[in-house]
Amino acid sequence: MNDTNEINRRPTHAIWQVTGEKPKSRWTQIGVAFTNRDGSLSLKFEAIPITGRTMVRAIEDDAQGRD
């Protein structure tokens, strides 16, 4: 896959860095993911976290119950 294909497609997942624990957890979007034909994901990061957890969530599920 090349970068041109990613530019022409919409991302299917958002990548989040989660720091802290409920109820004070902080979610910061750090990238997106694209679903490939074989079902795998290509990740595109804007930042690389060094602490916390990294979560990948389907974009339509973003607004629903974050852990």
PDB file of N, CA and C in Angstrom:
ATOM      1  N   MET A   1       0.848  -1.176   0.000  1.00  0.00           N
ATOM      2  CA  MET A   1       0.000   0.000   0.000  1.00  0.00           C
ATOM      3  C   MET A   1       0.887   1.230   0.000  1.00  0.00           C
ATOM      4  N   ASN A   2       0.478   2.259  -0.717  1.00  0.00           N
ATOM      5  CA  ASN A   2       1.260   3.491  -0.696  1.00  0.00           C
ATOM      6  C   ASN A   2       0.452   4.619  -0.078  1.00  0.00           C
ATOM      7  N   ASP A   3       1.118   5.748   0.175  1.00  0.00           N
ATOM      8  CA  ASP A   3       0.471   6.880   0.845  1.00  0.00           C
ATOM      9  C   ASP A   3      -0.701   7.435   0.055  1.00  0.00           C
ATOM     10  N   THR A   4      -0.671   7.340  -1.281  1.00  0.00           N
ATOM     11  CA  THR A   4      -1.773   7.857  -2.091  1.00  0.00           C
ATOM     12  C   THR A   4      -3.077   7.150  -1.744  1.00  0.00           C
ATOM     13  N   ASN A   5      -3.024   5.838  -1.514  1.00  0.00           N
ATOM     14  CA  ASN A   5      -4.238   5.100  -1.145  1.00  0.00           C
ATOM     15  C   ASN A   5      -4.808   5.606   0.167  1.00  0.00           C
ATOM     16  N   GLU A   6      -3.964   5.891   1.157  1.00  0.00           N
ATOM     17  CA  GLU A   6      -4.450   6.391   2.440  1.00  0.00           C
ATOM     18  C   GLU A   6      -5.079   7.764   2.302  1.00  0.00           C
ATOM     19  N   ILE A   7      -4.539   8.601   1.443  1.00  0.00           N
ATOM     20  CA  ILE A   7      -5.078   9.952   1.253  1.00  0.00           C
ATOM     21  C   ILE A   7      -6.491   9.871   0.681  1.00  0.00           C
ATOM     22  N   ASN A   8      -6.754   8.905  -0.194  1.00  0.00           N
ATOM     23  CA  ASN A   8      -8.045   8.782  -0.854  1.00  0.00           C
ATOM     24  C   ASN A   8      -9.090   8.052  -0.006  1.00  0.00           C
ATOM     25  N   ARG A   9      -8.675   7.449   1.107  1.00  0.00           N
ATOM     26  CA  ARG A   9      -9.601   6.710   1.968  1.00  0.00           C
ATOM     27  C   ARG A   9      -9.802   7.458   3.273  1.00  0.00           C
ATOM     28  N   ARG A  10     -10.939   7.219   3.886  1.00  0.00           N
ATOM     29  CA  ARG A  10     -11.209   7.779   5.214  1.00  0.00           C
ATOM     30  C   ARG A  10     -10.713   6.801   6.269  1.00  0.00           C
ATOM     31  N   PRO A  11     -10.176   7.329   7.368  1.00  0.00           N
ATOM     32  CA  PRO A  11      -9.769   6.425   8.445  1.00  0.00           C
ATOM     33  C   PRO A  11     -10.990   5.751   9.065  1.00  0.00           C
ATOM     34  N   THR A  12     -10.803   4.520   9.521  1.00  0.00           N
ATOM     35  CA  THR A  12     -11.894   3.762  10.128  1.00  0.00           C
ATOM     36  C   THR A  12     -11.799   3.733  11.648  1.00  0.00           C
ATOM     37  N   HIS A  13     -10.612   4.044  12.179  1.00  0.00           N
ATOM     38  CA  HIS A  13     -10.375   4.001  13.616  1.00  0.00           C
ATOM     39  C   HIS A  13      -9.595   5.233  14.060  1.00  0.00           C
ATOM     40  N   ALA A  14      -9.792   5.604  15.304  1.00  0.00           N
ATOM     41  CA  ALA A  14      -9.001   6.673  15.924  1.00  0.00           C
ATOM     42  C   ALA A  14      -8.053   6.022  16.932  1.00  0.00           C
ATOM     43  N   ILE A  15      -6.865   6.585  17.076  1.00  0.00           N
ATOM     44  CA  ILE A  15      -5.886   6.091  18.038  1.00  0.00           C
ATOM     45  C   ILE A  15      -5.791   7.120  19.160  1.00  0.00           C
ATOM     46  N   TRP A  16      -5.912   6.657  20.401  1.00  0.00           N
ATOM     47  CA  TRP A  16      -5.958   7.532  21.570  1.00  0.00           C
ATOM     48  C   TRP A  16      -4.871   7.173  22.573  1.00  0.00           C
ATOM     49  N   GLN A  17      -4.314   8.158  23.231  1.00  0.00           N
ATOM     50  CA  GLN A  17      -3.479   7.960  24.410  1.00  0.00           C
ATOM     51  C   GLN A  17      -4.372   8.250  25.611  1.00  0.00           C
ATOM     52  N   VAL A  18      -4.393   7.320  26.570  1.00  0.00           N
ATOM     53  CA  VAL A  18      -5.213   7.495  27.765  1.00  0.00           C
ATOM     54  C   VAL A  18      -4.285   7.536  28.972  1.00  0.00           C
ATOM     55  N   THR A  19      -4.357   8.626  29.714  1.00  0.00           N
ATOM     56  CA  THR A  19      -3.560   8.752  30.932  1.00  0.00           C
ATOM     57  C   THR A  19      -4.506   8.904  32.112  1.00  0.00           C
ATOM     58  N   GLY A  20      -4.064   8.450  33.268  1.00  0.00           N
ATOM     59  CA  GLY A  20      -4.891   8.523  34.463  1.00  0.00           C
ATOM     60  C   GLY A  20      -5.918   7.408  34.496  1.00  0.00           C
ATOM     61  N   GLU A  21      -6.659   7.375  35.573  1.00  0.00           N
ATOM     62  CA  GLU A  21      -7.696   6.372  35.768  1.00  0.00           C
ATOM     63  C   GLU A  21      -9.041   7.066  35.960  1.00  0.00           C
ATOM     64  N   LYS A  22     -10.123   6.305  35.732  1.00  0.00           N
ATOM     65  CA  LYS A  22     -11.460   6.872  35.928  1.00  0.00           C
ATOM     66  C   LYS A  22     -11.555   7.449  37.320  1.00  0.00           C
ATOM     67  N   PRO A  23     -12.270   8.473  37.579  1.00  0.00           N
ATOM     68  CA  PRO A  23     -13.012   9.288  36.619  1.00  0.00           C
ATOM     69  C   PRO A  23     -12.175  10.417  36.032  1.00  0.00           C
ATOM     70  N   LYS A  24     -10.881  10.432  36.322  1.00  0.00           N
ATOM     71  CA  LYS A  24     -10.034  11.542  35.869  1.00  0.00           C
ATOM     72  C   LYS A  24      -9.147  11.169  34.690  1.00  0.00           C
ATOM     73  N   SER A  25      -9.528  10.141  33.934  1.00  0.00           N
ATOM     74  CA  SER A  25      -8.713   9.759  32.790  1.00  0.00           C
ATOM     75  C   SER A  25      -8.794  10.842  31.712  1.00  0.00           C
ATOM     76  N   ARG A  26      -7.698  10.982  30.982  1.00  0.00           N
ATOM     77  CA  ARG A  26      -7.616  11.993  29.936  1.00  0.00           C
ATOM     78  C   ARG A  26      -7.336  11.289  28.612  1.00  0.00           C
ATOM     79  N   TRP A  27      -8.177  11.534  27.619  1.00  0.00           N
ATOM     80  CA  TRP A  27      -8.054  10.925  26.305  1.00  0.00           C
ATOM     81  C   TRP A  27      -7.536  11.974  25.325  1.00  0.00           C
ATOM     82  N   THR A  28      -6.449  11.662  24.626  1.00  0.00           N
ATOM     83  CA  THR A  28      -5.869  12.552  23.626  1.00  0.00           C
ATOM     84  C   THR A  28      -5.732  11.775  22.321  1.00  0.00           C
ATOM     85  N   GLN A  29      -6.358  12.264  21.264  1.00  0.00           N
ATOM     86  CA  GLN A  29      -6.234  11.570  19.978  1.00  0.00           C
ATOM     87  C   GLN A  29      -4.834  11.796  19.425  1.00  0.00           C
ATOM     88  N   ILE A  30      -4.158  10.690  19.070  1.00  0.00           N
ATOM     89  CA  ILE A  30      -2.777  10.788  18.598  1.00  0.00           C
ATOM     90  C   ILE A  30      -2.591  10.219  17.197  1.00  0.00           C
ATOM     91  N   GLY A  31      -3.662   9.776  16.559  1.00  0.00           N
ATOM     92  CA  GLY A  31      -3.537   9.249  15.206  1.00  0.00           C
ATOM     93  C   GLY A  31      -4.821   8.609  14.725  1.00  0.00           C
ATOM     94  N   VAL A  32      -4.716   7.980  13.554  1.00  0.00           N
ATOM     95  CA  VAL A  32      -5.849   7.288  12.948  1.00  0.00           C
ATOM     96  C   VAL A  32      -5.369   5.968  12.373  1.00  0.00           C
ATOM     97  N   ALA A  33      -6.318   5.096  12.053  1.00  0.00           N
ATOM     98  CA  ALA A  33      -6.004   3.815  11.428  1.00  0.00           C
ATOM     99  C   ALA A  33      -6.933   3.595  10.244  1.00  0.00           C
ATOM    100  N   PHE A  34      -6.404   2.898   9.250  1.00  0.00           N
ATOM    101  CA  PHE A  34      -7.147   2.569   8.044  1.00  0.00           C
ATOM    102  C   PHE A  34      -7.266   1.056   7.963  1.00  0.00           C
ATOM    103  N   THR A  35      -8.462   0.545   7.656  1.00  0.00           N
ATOM    104  CA  THR A  35      -8.646  -0.896   7.506  1.00  0.00           C
ATOM    105  C   THR A  35      -8.205  -1.313   6.109  1.00  0.00           C
ATOM    106  N   ASN A  36      -7.324  -2.304   6.053  1.00  0.00           N
ATOM    107  CA  ASN A  36      -6.836  -2.839   4.787  1.00  0.00           C
ATOM    108  C   ASN A  36      -7.798  -3.887   4.251  1.00  0.00           C
ATOM    109  N   ARG A  37      -7.621  -4.268   3.004  1.00  0.00           N
ATOM    110  CA  ARG A  37      -8.497  -5.257   2.371  1.00  0.00           C
ATOM    111  C   ARG A  37      -8.535  -6.568   3.124  1.00  0.00           C
ATOM    112  N   ASP A  38      -7.405  -6.944   3.748  1.00  0.00           N
ATOM    113  CA  ASP A  38      -7.347  -8.222   4.462  1.00  0.00           C
ATOM    114  C   ASP A  38      -7.834  -8.124   5.904  1.00  0.00           C
ATOM    115  N   GLY A  39      -8.339  -6.952   6.314  1.00  0.00           N
ATOM    116  CA  GLY A  39      -8.860  -6.762   7.660  1.00  0.00           C
ATOM    117  C   GLY A  39      -7.853  -6.233   8.662  1.00  0.00           C
ATOM    118  N   SER A  40      -6.573  -6.188   8.289  1.00  0.00           N
ATOM    119  CA  SER A  40      -5.552  -5.623   9.175  1.00  0.00           C
ATOM    120  C   SER A  40      -5.661  -4.102   9.177  1.00  0.00           C
ATOM    121  N   LEU A  41      -4.942  -3.450  10.081  1.00  0.00           N
ATOM    122  CA  LEU A  41      -4.985  -1.996  10.189  1.00  0.00           C
ATOM    123  C   LEU A  41      -3.637  -1.384   9.859  1.00  0.00           C
ATOM    124  N   SER A  42      -3.644  -0.270   9.143  1.00  0.00           N
ATOM    125  CA  SER A  42      -2.462   0.564   8.943  1.00  0.00           C
ATOM    126  C   SER A  42      -2.604   1.751   9.887  1.00  0.00           C
ATOM    127  N   LEU A  43      -1.607   1.967  10.738  1.00  0.00           N
ATOM    128  CA  LEU A  43      -1.664   3.034  11.740  1.00  0.00           C
ATOM    129  C   LEU A  43      -0.877   4.242  11.274  1.00  0.00           C
ATOM    130  N   LYS A  44      -1.451   5.421  11.492  1.00  0.00           N
ATOM    131  CA  LYS A  44      -0.782   6.670  11.151  1.00  0.00           C
ATOM    132  C   LYS A  44      -0.793   7.545  12.412  1.00  0.00           C
ATOM    133  N   PHE A  45       0.379   7.694  13.031  1.00  0.00           N
ATOM    134  CA  PHE A  45       0.498   8.436  14.279  1.00  0.00           C
ATOM    135  C   PHE A  45       0.900   9.885  14.033  1.00  0.00           C
ATOM    136  N   GLU A  46       0.322  10.785  14.813  1.00  0.00           N
ATOM    137  CA  GLU A  46       0.731  12.187  14.860  1.00  0.00           C
ATOM    138  C   GLU A  46       1.676  12.400  16.041  1.00  0.00           C
ATOM    139  N   ALA A  47       1.597  11.498  17.016  1.00  0.00           N
ATOM    140  CA  ALA A  47       2.449  11.538  18.209  1.00  0.00           C
ATOM    141  C   ALA A  47       2.612  10.111  18.701  1.00  0.00           C
ATOM    142  N   ILE A  48       3.711   9.846  19.388  1.00  0.00           N
ATOM    143  CA  ILE A  48       3.961   8.529  19.967  1.00  0.00           C
ATOM    144  C   ILE A  48       3.962   8.679  21.485  1.00  0.00           C
ATOM    145  N   PRO A  49       3.049   8.000  22.174  1.00  0.00           N
ATOM    146  CA  PRO A  49       2.984   8.138  23.626  1.00  0.00           C
ATOM    147  C   PRO A  49       4.112   7.373  24.311  1.00  0.00           C
ATOM    148  N   ILE A  50       4.586   7.921  25.429  1.00  0.00           N
ATOM    149  CA  ILE A  50       5.592   7.208  26.217  1.00  0.00           C
ATOM    150  C   ILE A  50       5.043   6.799  27.578  1.00  0.00           C
ATOM    151  N   THR A  51       3.844   7.260  27.900  1.00  0.00           N
ATOM    152  CA  THR A  51       3.177   6.872  29.143  1.00  0.00           C
ATOM    153  C   THR A  51       1.719   6.571  28.848  1.00  0.00           C
ATOM    154  N   GLY A  52       1.043   5.988  29.815  1.00  0.00           N
ATOM    155  CA  GLY A  52      -0.389   5.720  29.668  1.00  0.00           C
ATOM    156  C   GLY A  52      -0.657   4.511  28.795  1.00  0.00           C
ATOM    157  N   ARG A  53      -1.896   4.396  28.355  1.00  0.00           N
ATOM    158  CA  ARG A  53      -2.349   3.305  27.498  1.00  0.00           C
ATOM    159  C   ARG A  53      -2.633   3.836  26.109  1.00  0.00           C
ATOM    160  N   THR A  54      -2.548   2.964  25.116  1.00  0.00           N
ATOM    161  CA  THR A  54      -2.912   3.323  23.752  1.00  0.00           C
ATOM    162  C   THR A  54      -4.150   2.522  23.384  1.00  0.00           C
ATOM    163  N   MET A  55      -5.192   3.229  22.956  1.00  0.00           N
ATOM    164  CA  MET A  55      -6.458   2.599  22.594  1.00  0.00           C
ATOM    165  C   MET A  55      -6.725   2.849  21.108  1.00  0.00           C
ATOM    166  N   VAL A  56      -7.243   1.842  20.424  1.00  0.00           N
ATOM    167  CA  VAL A  56      -7.681   1.985  19.037  1.00  0.00           C
ATOM    168  C   VAL A  56      -9.173   1.705  19.040  1.00  0.00           C
ATOM    169  N   ARG A  57      -9.945   2.687  18.604  1.00  0.00           N
ATOM    170  CA  ARG A  57     -11.411   2.569  18.616  1.00  0.00           C
ATOM    171  C   ARG A  57     -11.973   2.895  17.240  1.00  0.00           C
ATOM    172  N   ALA A  58     -12.977   2.122  16.835  1.00  0.00           N
ATOM    173  CA  ALA A  58     -13.676   2.432  15.591  1.00  0.00           C
ATOM    174  C   ALA A  58     -14.242   3.842  15.695  1.00  0.00           C
ATOM    175  N   ILE A  59     -14.150   4.594  14.641  1.00  0.00           N
ATOM    176  CA  ILE A  59     -14.561   6.005  14.692  1.00  0.00           C
ATOM    177  C   ILE A  59     -16.027   6.156  15.072  1.00  0.00           C
ATOM    178  N   GLU A  60     -16.923   5.310  14.592  1.00  0.00           N
ATOM    179  CA  GLU A  60     -18.334   5.442  14.964  1.00  0.00           C
ATOM    180  C   GLU A  60     -18.559   5.127  16.435  1.00  0.00           C
ATOM    181  N   ASP A  61     -17.597   4.493  17.102  1.00  0.00           N
ATOM    182  CA  ASP A  61     -17.720   4.177  18.519  1.00  0.00           C
ATOM    183  C   ASP A  61     -17.024   5.205  19.416  1.00  0.00           C
ATOM    184  N   ASP A  62     -16.347   6.181  18.827  1.00  0.00           N
ATOM    185  CA  ASP A  62     -15.576   7.168  19.606  1.00  0.00           C
ATOM    186  C   ASP A  62     -16.344   7.807  20.729  1.00  0.00           C
ATOM    187  N   ALA A  63     -17.556   8.252  20.451  1.00  0.00           N
ATOM    188  CA  ALA A  63     -18.315   9.027  21.427  1.00  0.00           C
ATOM    189  C   ALA A  63     -18.941   8.148  22.505  1.00  0.00           C
ATOM    190  N   GLN A  64     -18.885   6.846  22.325  1.00  0.00           N
ATOM    191  CA  GLN A  64     -19.518   5.937  23.282  1.00  0.00           C
ATOM    192  C   GLN A  64     -18.519   5.510  24.343  1.00  0.00           C
ATOM    193  N   GLY A  65     -19.002   5.196  25.516  1.00  0.00           N
ATOM    194  CA  GLY A  65     -18.300   4.732  26.681  1.00  0.00           C
ATOM    195  C   GLY A  65     -16.808   4.494  26.618  1.00  0.00           C
ATOM    196  N   ARG A  66     -16.034   5.501  26.805  1.00  0.00           N
ATOM    197  CA  ARG A  66     -14.591   5.340  26.886  1.00  0.00           C
ATOM    198  C   ARG A  66     -14.237   4.755  28.238  1.00  0.00           C
ATOM    199  N   ASP A  67     -13.296   3.819  28.248  1.00  0.00           N
ATOM    200  CA  ASP A  67     -12.864   3.164  29.502  1.00  0.00           C
ATOM    201  C   ASP A  67     -11.878   4.028  30.249  1.00  0.00           C
TER     202      ASP A  67
END
